Protein backbone atom coordinates (compact mmCIF):
# COMPACT_ATOMS: atom_id res chain seq x y z
CA MET A 1 44.66 235.25 189.27
CA SER A 2 43.21 238.78 189.26
CA ASP A 3 45.30 241.89 188.62
CA SER A 4 44.36 243.22 192.05
CA ILE A 5 45.95 240.22 193.74
CA LYS A 6 49.05 240.57 191.57
CA ASP A 7 49.31 244.27 192.34
CA ASN A 8 48.91 243.65 196.06
CA THR A 9 51.64 241.07 195.85
CA ASP A 10 54.03 243.58 194.33
CA THR A 11 53.21 246.19 196.94
CA LEU A 12 53.51 243.88 199.93
CA THR A 13 56.71 242.12 198.95
CA GLY A 14 58.53 244.87 197.13
CA LEU A 15 59.13 242.42 194.29
CA SER A 16 58.46 243.10 190.62
CA ARG A 17 56.61 240.57 188.46
CA ARG A 18 59.93 239.87 186.70
CA SER A 19 61.72 239.09 189.97
CA LEU A 20 58.98 236.62 190.90
CA LEU A 21 60.02 234.56 187.92
CA GLN A 22 63.70 234.51 188.87
CA GLY A 23 63.54 231.36 190.96
CA THR A 24 64.03 230.72 194.64
CA ALA A 25 64.97 234.26 195.69
CA GLY A 26 61.65 235.60 194.48
CA MET A 27 59.72 232.71 196.07
CA ALA A 28 61.49 233.22 199.36
CA GLY A 29 60.28 236.81 199.39
CA ILE A 30 56.69 235.66 198.87
CA LEU A 31 56.87 233.06 201.61
CA ALA A 32 58.38 235.61 203.99
CA SER A 33 55.43 237.90 203.35
CA GLY A 34 52.98 235.19 204.51
CA ILE A 35 50.69 235.61 201.51
CA ALA A 36 51.74 232.57 199.47
CA PRO A 37 48.37 230.76 199.91
CA ALA A 38 46.54 233.69 198.28
CA ILE A 39 48.70 233.24 195.19
CA ALA A 40 49.29 229.53 195.10
CA GLN A 41 45.71 228.46 195.77
CA GLU A 42 42.80 229.78 193.79
CA LYS A 43 39.38 229.70 195.45
CA ILE A 44 37.58 226.35 195.34
CA THR A 45 34.06 226.16 193.90
CA LEU A 46 32.11 222.96 194.57
CA ARG A 47 29.37 222.03 192.11
CA TYR A 48 26.55 220.71 194.32
CA LEU A 49 24.10 218.50 192.40
CA GLY A 50 20.73 217.79 193.98
CA THR A 51 17.07 218.73 194.25
CA ALA A 52 16.21 222.11 195.73
CA VAL A 53 15.43 220.63 199.20
CA ASN A 54 18.79 221.44 200.82
CA GLN A 55 20.01 223.90 198.21
CA ASP A 56 19.32 226.95 200.29
CA LYS A 57 21.22 230.13 199.49
CA ALA A 58 21.66 230.85 203.20
CA ILE A 59 23.51 227.53 203.68
CA GLY A 60 25.87 228.16 200.77
CA ASP A 61 26.52 231.74 201.89
CA LYS A 62 27.22 230.72 205.49
CA PHE A 63 29.62 227.96 204.40
CA GLU A 64 31.51 230.35 202.11
CA LYS A 65 31.74 232.91 204.91
CA ASP A 66 33.08 230.28 207.33
CA THR A 67 35.54 228.55 204.98
CA GLY A 68 36.09 230.63 201.84
CA ILE A 69 34.84 227.73 199.69
CA LYS A 70 32.07 228.60 197.23
CA ILE A 71 29.03 226.39 196.60
CA GLN A 72 27.54 226.36 193.10
CA TYR A 73 24.08 224.82 193.24
CA VAL A 74 22.96 222.60 190.36
CA ALA A 75 19.25 221.99 190.98
CA VAL A 76 17.46 219.24 189.04
CA THR A 77 14.61 216.79 189.66
CA THR A 78 14.99 213.65 191.79
CA ASP A 79 15.10 211.44 188.67
CA ASP A 80 17.64 213.70 186.96
CA VAL A 81 19.97 213.57 189.98
CA THR A 82 20.15 209.80 189.46
CA LYS A 83 20.53 210.10 185.68
CA ARG A 84 23.46 212.51 186.03
CA ALA A 85 25.16 210.32 188.62
CA VAL A 86 24.93 207.37 186.22
CA THR A 87 25.74 209.13 182.94
CA ALA A 88 27.76 212.26 183.79
CA PRO A 89 29.68 211.71 187.04
CA ASN A 90 32.20 214.42 186.15
CA SER A 91 29.50 217.12 186.02
CA PHE A 92 29.44 217.59 189.81
CA ASP A 93 31.75 217.60 192.84
CA LEU A 94 29.15 216.71 195.46
CA ILE A 95 25.82 214.91 195.05
CA ASP A 96 22.82 215.15 197.35
CA THR A 97 20.56 212.22 196.53
CA GLU A 98 18.04 209.92 198.14
CA TYR A 99 19.15 206.56 199.51
CA PHE A 100 16.71 204.68 197.27
CA SER A 101 18.64 205.89 194.19
CA LEU A 102 21.81 204.11 195.34
CA LYS A 103 20.73 200.76 193.89
CA LYS A 104 21.03 202.41 190.47
CA ILE A 105 24.15 204.50 191.12
CA VAL A 106 26.53 202.36 193.19
CA PRO A 107 26.81 199.44 190.69
CA THR A 108 28.19 201.90 188.10
CA GLY A 109 31.23 202.62 190.27
CA ASN A 110 30.62 206.35 189.88
CA LEU A 111 30.53 207.04 193.63
CA LYS A 112 33.58 207.07 195.90
CA GLY A 113 33.18 205.44 199.30
CA ILE A 114 33.30 208.19 201.94
CA ASP A 115 35.98 207.50 204.55
CA VAL A 116 34.26 207.82 207.94
CA LYS A 117 37.66 208.41 209.55
CA LYS A 118 37.62 211.80 207.81
CA ILE A 119 34.12 212.65 209.14
CA LYS A 120 34.42 214.29 212.55
CA ASN A 121 30.89 213.48 213.73
CA ALA A 122 30.52 210.10 212.01
CA ASP A 123 29.99 208.32 215.33
CA LYS A 124 27.16 210.75 216.20
CA ILE A 125 25.07 210.07 213.08
CA THR A 126 21.62 208.96 214.22
CA PRO A 127 21.39 205.13 214.47
CA LEU A 128 18.26 205.29 212.32
CA PHE A 129 20.72 205.19 209.40
CA THR A 130 23.33 202.77 210.66
CA THR A 131 21.28 200.21 212.61
CA GLY A 132 17.69 201.08 211.70
CA THR A 133 16.70 201.94 215.25
CA VAL A 134 15.14 204.89 217.09
CA ALA A 135 15.49 205.02 220.89
CA GLY A 136 16.81 201.45 220.77
CA LYS A 137 13.79 200.06 218.92
CA ALA A 138 13.83 198.77 215.33
CA VAL A 139 11.67 200.68 212.84
CA GLY A 140 10.00 199.35 209.69
CA ASP A 141 12.52 198.58 206.95
CA GLN A 142 10.37 197.69 203.93
CA GLY A 143 11.69 199.46 200.84
CA THR A 144 15.20 200.93 200.72
CA ALA A 145 15.93 201.48 204.40
CA PRO A 146 19.24 203.40 204.66
CA LYS A 147 20.84 200.70 206.82
CA LYS A 148 20.67 198.36 203.78
CA VAL A 149 22.71 200.65 201.51
CA ILE A 150 24.74 203.03 203.71
CA PHE A 151 27.95 200.99 203.92
CA LEU A 152 30.25 199.95 201.06
CA GLU A 153 32.86 197.19 201.08
CA GLY A 154 35.61 199.68 200.18
CA GLU A 155 36.35 203.10 198.70
CA LYS A 156 35.96 201.81 195.14
CA SER A 157 33.32 199.18 195.85
CA LYS A 158 30.33 198.68 193.56
CA VAL A 159 28.44 196.60 196.13
CA PHE A 160 26.89 197.32 199.52
CA ALA A 161 28.40 195.88 202.68
CA LYS A 162 26.21 193.73 204.90
CA SER A 163 27.72 195.16 208.09
CA PRO A 164 29.36 198.48 209.07
CA THR A 165 32.67 199.33 207.37
CA GLN A 166 35.01 202.33 207.12
CA PHE A 167 33.25 203.56 203.96
CA MET A 168 29.77 205.02 203.55
CA SER A 169 27.91 205.45 200.27
CA LEU A 170 26.26 208.66 201.49
CA ILE A 171 26.58 210.78 204.63
CA PRO A 172 22.99 211.60 205.63
CA THR A 173 21.77 215.17 205.28
CA VAL A 174 18.02 215.33 205.93
CA TYR A 175 15.17 212.88 206.28
CA ASN A 176 11.55 212.75 207.37
CA ALA A 177 8.49 210.53 207.46
CA ASP A 178 5.55 211.41 205.24
CA THR A 179 1.85 210.87 205.74
CA LEU A 180 -1.45 212.36 204.62
CA GLY A 181 -2.25 216.05 204.86
CA ILE A 182 -5.81 217.00 205.83
CA ARG A 183 -7.98 220.08 206.23
CA PRO A 184 -9.42 219.48 209.73
CA ASP A 185 -11.74 222.49 209.44
CA LEU A 186 -13.42 220.98 206.38
CA ILE A 187 -13.38 217.31 207.39
CA LYS A 188 -14.56 217.96 210.97
CA ARG A 189 -13.90 214.47 212.32
CA PRO A 190 -10.86 212.45 213.39
CA ILE A 191 -8.72 210.87 210.66
CA SER A 192 -6.56 207.96 211.82
CA SER A 193 -6.00 205.63 208.84
CA TRP A 194 -4.47 205.68 205.36
CA ALA A 195 -7.71 204.00 204.19
CA GLU A 196 -9.44 207.40 204.40
CA LEU A 197 -7.68 208.51 201.19
CA LEU A 198 -10.06 206.29 199.21
CA ASN A 199 -13.09 206.84 201.44
CA PRO A 200 -16.03 207.76 199.11
CA GLU A 201 -16.91 210.44 201.67
CA PHE A 202 -14.09 212.49 200.11
CA LYS A 203 -15.05 211.81 196.49
CA GLY A 204 -13.63 214.55 194.27
CA LYS A 205 -11.71 216.08 197.16
CA ALA A 206 -8.77 213.65 197.46
CA ALA A 207 -5.38 213.79 195.73
CA ILE A 208 -2.35 211.52 195.47
CA LEU A 209 1.29 212.18 194.60
CA ASN A 210 2.05 211.53 190.92
CA ILE A 211 5.68 210.40 191.26
CA PRO A 212 5.37 206.67 190.50
CA SER A 213 7.97 205.23 192.89
CA ILE A 214 6.56 207.26 195.81
CA GLY A 215 2.88 207.39 194.88
CA ILE A 216 2.64 203.62 194.66
CA MET A 217 4.02 203.34 198.20
CA ASP A 218 1.25 205.64 199.44
CA ALA A 219 -1.25 203.53 197.49
CA ALA A 220 0.13 200.35 199.10
CA MET A 221 -0.31 201.89 202.55
CA VAL A 222 -3.98 202.49 201.59
CA VAL A 223 -4.47 198.95 200.21
CA GLU A 224 -3.14 197.43 203.43
CA ALA A 225 -5.17 199.79 205.61
CA MET A 226 -8.34 198.80 203.70
CA GLY A 227 -7.57 195.14 204.47
CA LEU A 228 -7.30 194.19 200.80
CA TYR A 229 -3.79 192.72 200.92
CA LYS A 230 -0.70 192.45 203.15
CA TYR A 231 2.55 193.08 201.24
CA PRO A 232 5.72 191.21 202.21
CA ASP A 233 7.60 194.34 201.05
CA LYS A 234 5.72 197.40 199.80
CA GLY A 235 9.01 198.72 198.42
CA ASN A 236 9.64 195.72 196.17
CA MET A 237 6.37 194.43 194.77
CA THR A 238 5.85 191.52 192.42
CA LYS A 239 4.00 192.13 189.15
CA LYS A 240 0.82 190.65 190.66
CA GLU A 241 1.10 193.01 193.64
CA ILE A 242 1.65 195.98 191.34
CA ASP A 243 -1.42 194.93 189.31
CA LEU A 244 -3.57 194.76 192.45
CA THR A 245 -2.39 198.16 193.68
CA ILE A 246 -2.95 199.90 190.34
CA LYS A 247 -6.33 198.20 189.86
CA THR A 248 -7.45 199.64 193.21
CA LEU A 249 -6.30 203.14 192.20
CA ILE A 250 -7.95 202.96 188.75
CA GLU A 251 -11.28 201.89 190.26
CA ALA A 252 -11.14 204.82 192.68
CA LYS A 253 -10.19 207.25 189.91
CA LYS A 254 -13.02 206.10 187.63
CA ALA A 255 -15.42 206.57 190.56
CA GLY A 256 -14.30 210.21 190.75
CA GLN A 257 -12.28 209.97 193.97
CA PHE A 258 -9.36 212.18 192.90
CA ARG A 259 -9.54 215.92 192.34
CA ALA A 260 -5.90 215.85 191.20
CA LEU A 261 -2.71 213.85 190.82
CA TRP A 262 -0.04 216.34 191.88
CA LYS A 263 3.65 216.39 190.97
CA ASP A 264 4.76 219.76 192.25
CA PHE A 265 5.19 220.97 195.85
CA ASN A 266 3.40 224.26 195.12
CA GLU A 267 0.55 222.41 193.43
CA SER A 268 -0.06 220.40 196.61
CA VAL A 269 -0.04 223.61 198.66
CA ASN A 270 -2.53 225.35 196.35
CA LEU A 271 -4.90 222.36 196.23
CA MET A 272 -5.07 222.27 200.02
CA ALA A 273 -5.14 226.02 200.64
CA SER A 274 -8.01 226.51 198.17
CA GLY A 275 -10.09 223.77 199.79
CA GLU A 276 -10.41 221.93 196.46
CA VAL A 277 -8.76 219.01 198.25
CA VAL A 278 -9.30 218.07 201.90
CA ILE A 279 -7.12 214.93 202.10
CA GLN A 280 -4.02 214.02 200.07
CA SER A 281 -0.46 212.73 199.98
CA MET A 282 1.55 215.57 201.46
CA TRP A 283 5.02 216.62 202.56
CA SER A 284 5.61 218.24 205.92
CA PRO A 285 6.97 221.58 204.57
CA ALA A 286 3.92 221.82 202.27
CA VAL A 287 1.63 221.57 205.30
CA THR A 288 3.72 224.32 206.91
CA ALA A 289 3.32 226.45 203.77
CA VAL A 290 -0.47 226.14 203.97
CA ARG A 291 -0.41 227.13 207.63
CA THR A 292 1.64 230.24 206.96
CA LYS A 293 -1.36 231.42 204.91
CA GLY A 294 -3.46 231.24 208.08
CA ILE A 295 -5.31 228.10 206.91
CA ALA A 296 -5.83 225.03 209.10
CA CYS A 297 -3.87 222.02 207.81
CA ASN A 298 -2.60 218.91 209.61
CA PHE A 299 0.25 216.57 208.79
CA GLN A 300 -1.80 213.67 210.12
CA PRO A 301 -0.31 210.82 212.21
CA LEU A 302 -1.93 207.53 211.13
CA LYS A 303 -2.14 204.22 212.97
CA GLU A 304 -0.47 202.26 210.16
CA GLY A 305 2.64 204.44 210.31
CA TYR A 306 4.66 206.66 207.99
CA ARG A 307 6.42 206.35 204.63
CA ALA A 308 9.96 207.59 205.24
CA TRP A 309 12.60 209.11 202.99
CA ALA A 310 16.22 210.11 203.48
CA ALA A 311 18.90 211.94 201.51
CA GLY A 312 22.66 212.16 201.82
CA PHE A 313 25.89 213.54 200.38
CA GLY A 314 27.97 211.45 198.01
CA LEU A 315 31.27 212.04 196.21
CA PRO A 316 32.03 211.21 192.56
CA ALA A 317 34.68 208.53 192.15
CA THR A 318 36.94 210.84 190.12
CA LEU A 319 37.06 213.66 192.72
CA SER A 320 40.60 214.31 193.95
CA GLY A 321 43.03 216.92 195.28
CA ARG A 322 41.81 220.17 196.78
CA LYS A 323 38.26 219.68 195.55
CA LEU A 324 38.06 216.38 197.38
CA ASP A 325 39.43 218.06 200.51
CA GLY A 326 36.88 220.86 200.04
CA ALA A 327 34.01 218.38 199.69
CA TYR A 328 35.03 216.64 202.94
CA GLU A 329 35.23 220.08 204.57
CA PHE A 330 31.68 220.87 203.44
CA ILE A 331 30.30 217.56 204.74
CA ASN A 332 31.99 218.09 208.10
CA TRP A 333 30.71 221.66 208.25
CA PHE A 334 27.19 220.49 207.36
CA LEU A 335 27.16 218.03 210.27
CA ASP A 336 28.56 220.57 212.70
CA GLY A 337 25.21 222.04 213.71
CA TRP A 338 24.41 225.30 211.92
CA ALA A 339 22.94 223.67 208.80
CA GLY A 340 21.18 221.00 210.86
CA ALA A 341 19.49 223.61 213.04
CA TYR A 342 18.55 225.65 209.95
CA LEU A 343 16.86 222.63 208.33
CA ASN A 344 15.25 221.45 211.59
CA ARG A 345 13.47 224.82 211.74
CA GLN A 346 11.81 223.96 208.41
CA GLY A 347 10.41 220.67 209.68
CA TYR A 348 13.14 218.34 208.43
CA TYR A 349 15.39 216.22 210.65
CA SER A 350 19.18 216.49 210.75
CA ALA A 351 21.68 213.63 210.68
CA VAL A 352 23.55 214.59 213.86
CA LEU A 353 21.03 215.68 216.45
CA ASP A 354 23.49 216.77 219.17
CA THR A 355 25.22 219.42 217.09
CA ALA A 356 21.94 220.81 215.73
CA LYS A 357 20.57 221.04 219.26
CA SER A 358 23.55 223.16 220.29
CA LYS A 359 22.60 225.72 217.61
CA MET A 360 18.89 225.93 218.51
CA GLU A 361 17.09 227.73 221.30
CA ALA A 362 15.72 225.43 224.03
CA TYR A 363 12.11 226.32 223.18
CA GLU A 364 12.73 225.53 219.49
CA TRP A 365 14.21 222.13 220.28
CA ALA A 366 11.34 221.35 222.66
CA TYR A 367 8.79 222.09 219.92
CA TRP A 368 10.49 220.55 216.88
CA MET A 369 12.13 217.50 218.47
CA GLU A 370 10.43 216.72 221.81
CA GLY A 371 6.81 217.21 220.81
CA LYS A 372 6.23 219.75 223.56
CA PRO A 373 3.85 222.75 223.29
CA ALA A 374 5.62 225.85 221.99
CA SER A 375 6.43 228.20 224.85
CA GLN A 376 6.54 231.06 222.35
CA ASP A 377 5.83 231.56 218.63
CA ILE A 378 7.84 229.22 216.40
CA LYS A 379 9.43 230.92 213.41
CA SER A 380 11.03 229.73 210.19
CA PRO A 381 14.64 230.70 209.36
CA ASN A 382 13.12 233.60 207.38
CA GLY A 383 11.18 234.86 210.40
CA ASP A 384 7.71 233.67 209.30
CA VAL A 385 5.54 232.44 212.17
CA LEU A 386 5.00 228.69 211.63
CA ALA A 387 3.23 227.88 214.88
CA LYS A 388 1.74 230.02 217.62
CA ALA A 389 2.66 229.68 221.29
CA GLY A 390 0.90 226.64 222.72
CA ALA A 391 0.89 224.66 219.47
CA VAL A 392 2.25 221.10 219.30
CA ARG A 393 4.04 219.70 216.26
CA ASP A 394 2.00 217.25 214.19
CA GLY A 395 3.22 213.73 214.85
CA GLY A 396 4.70 214.78 218.18
CA SER A 397 8.29 214.03 219.07
CA TYR A 398 11.16 212.80 216.92
CA GLU A 399 10.88 209.39 218.59
CA ALA A 400 7.15 209.19 217.94
CA ARG A 401 7.37 210.11 214.28
CA MET A 402 10.59 208.43 213.19
CA GLY A 403 9.84 205.49 215.48
CA GLY A 404 6.57 205.03 213.55
CA ILE A 405 8.08 204.29 210.13
CA ALA A 406 6.31 201.54 208.19
CA CYS A 407 8.31 201.67 204.94
CA TRP A 408 10.92 203.68 203.01
CA ASN A 409 10.96 205.17 199.52
CA ALA A 410 12.38 202.59 197.14
CA VAL A 411 13.18 201.55 193.59
CA MET A 412 11.63 198.17 192.88
CA ASP A 413 13.17 195.30 190.94
CA GLU A 414 10.08 195.57 188.71
CA ASN A 415 10.45 199.34 188.41
CA GLU A 416 9.91 199.55 184.63
CA TYR A 417 6.76 197.45 184.84
CA MET A 418 5.53 199.51 187.79
CA VAL A 419 6.02 202.81 185.95
CA ARG A 420 4.17 201.43 182.92
CA LYS A 421 1.23 200.37 185.10
CA TRP A 422 1.28 203.68 186.98
CA ASN A 423 0.98 205.51 183.65
CA GLU A 424 -2.11 203.40 182.91
CA PHE A 425 -3.60 204.73 186.15
CA VAL A 426 -2.75 208.32 185.20
CA ALA A 427 -4.32 207.86 181.76
CA ALA A 428 -7.43 206.02 183.03
C-alpha cells in the first residue's frame, strides 16, 4: 500500500493510523467512508503468457482503463509457450496458446477447465470451434481441429471430452486460414494450386516456412496437389508418409527451388517485398505488411483449400481467488467486442463475431467479413491504409475462407521423428 493511499485514508476518515488498528471502531469509520476497497484490495496484475500475436499494448491499456486490472505481457515463441505450460504452470496467470499444443499440455493436468457458465458470450462463440462448421457446413478437420480438443470432461480433467460439456480447455481468441503468398506483378499469371510452390518455373524464387510442425503441413498440401499421394490425415502422418513428404522437399531443395526457409514474420515480409521470392508460405498479416509498402502481394486462395490455425485463452490449474476472478473478467472483456474488432482490422478473425461487428463501422465489416469491395479506404488500428477504396479482401468473405479449410495445424504422434526428418531437409 502506498503512502499516498494511507495519507488519503487519514484525511478522508479523520482517523489516525493508530486508531485504524484499534479494532471494529476504526474499521467502521473506513467502511462509512466508502473507500474500503481501495485499502483492502491491491490492484491485480495478470501475467499473460503467449506469442506476440495478441499481445498488443493497446489491448492491455484498454482493458486496464475499463477494469483497473493490469496486464503484464510475457512474450515467448510458440514452442516455449507449450514448454512453460508443461514445466512451469505457476509462471503465468493466463495462457494464450494454439489448440494443437493442447495434446501436450492437457495430459499434465496443468490447465483448469474453463467454466462456460462464467463466460457471458459462450453461446455466441463461432460454431467453427464447437461443431466444426461454417454456415452450417462441415469444414476439413485433418490435424488438430479445435472441435476435437475444446471440451474437457471436468474442471480438473486431463482428457478431452467427446461431446460438449460445461468446461472448455481454451476460450478461442483469434484464428485464420493460411495459404501461399504471391507477387502477382512478378508472376503475371493466375496461381490456383499449392503445387505451384514446387513448380520449376519459380526455381530460386520460392520459400517455405521453417517451423517443422507447420511447414510439413504446407508441404503435404503441395504433395497432394501434385498428385503424388493422398494422406488420410496430413496432421498425423505415419513414418512412411513423413519420409515421402521430406523426400519430395529435399529433391526440390537440391534442384535449387528454394531461395529461403524462413522462420521469422519479418523475414517473410522482406523476402517478398524485395522480390527475391515471388511465391512462399505466408501469413495474412505479412501480406498486409508488404502491401503497406506499396508493393503488390496476394494472399492467394487455392483450389485445394487452406491450412487453418486457432489460438485461445487457458487458465493454470493453480489459479484461484481474485486472480482467477480477474482472468475470467479479462476473457469476458476480450469476447465483448472491442478486442475482436481491433484484431479483425488486422486481418485475423474473432471468436464472437456479433460483438466484434457491433464495434466496427459497416464499411469495415463489409470489407473484412463479407468480401465486399471497400466503399472507402481500409485502415489498420494504427491508421495505416491497408486497402484502397474498391479493393476486395483476398479469399473473399469469412464463409469463403474459413469454409475452405482443408486441415489444421497439429502435433503428430510421430512428432519427434518428423522433426528429425525435417532437420535433414534443412541440412540437405
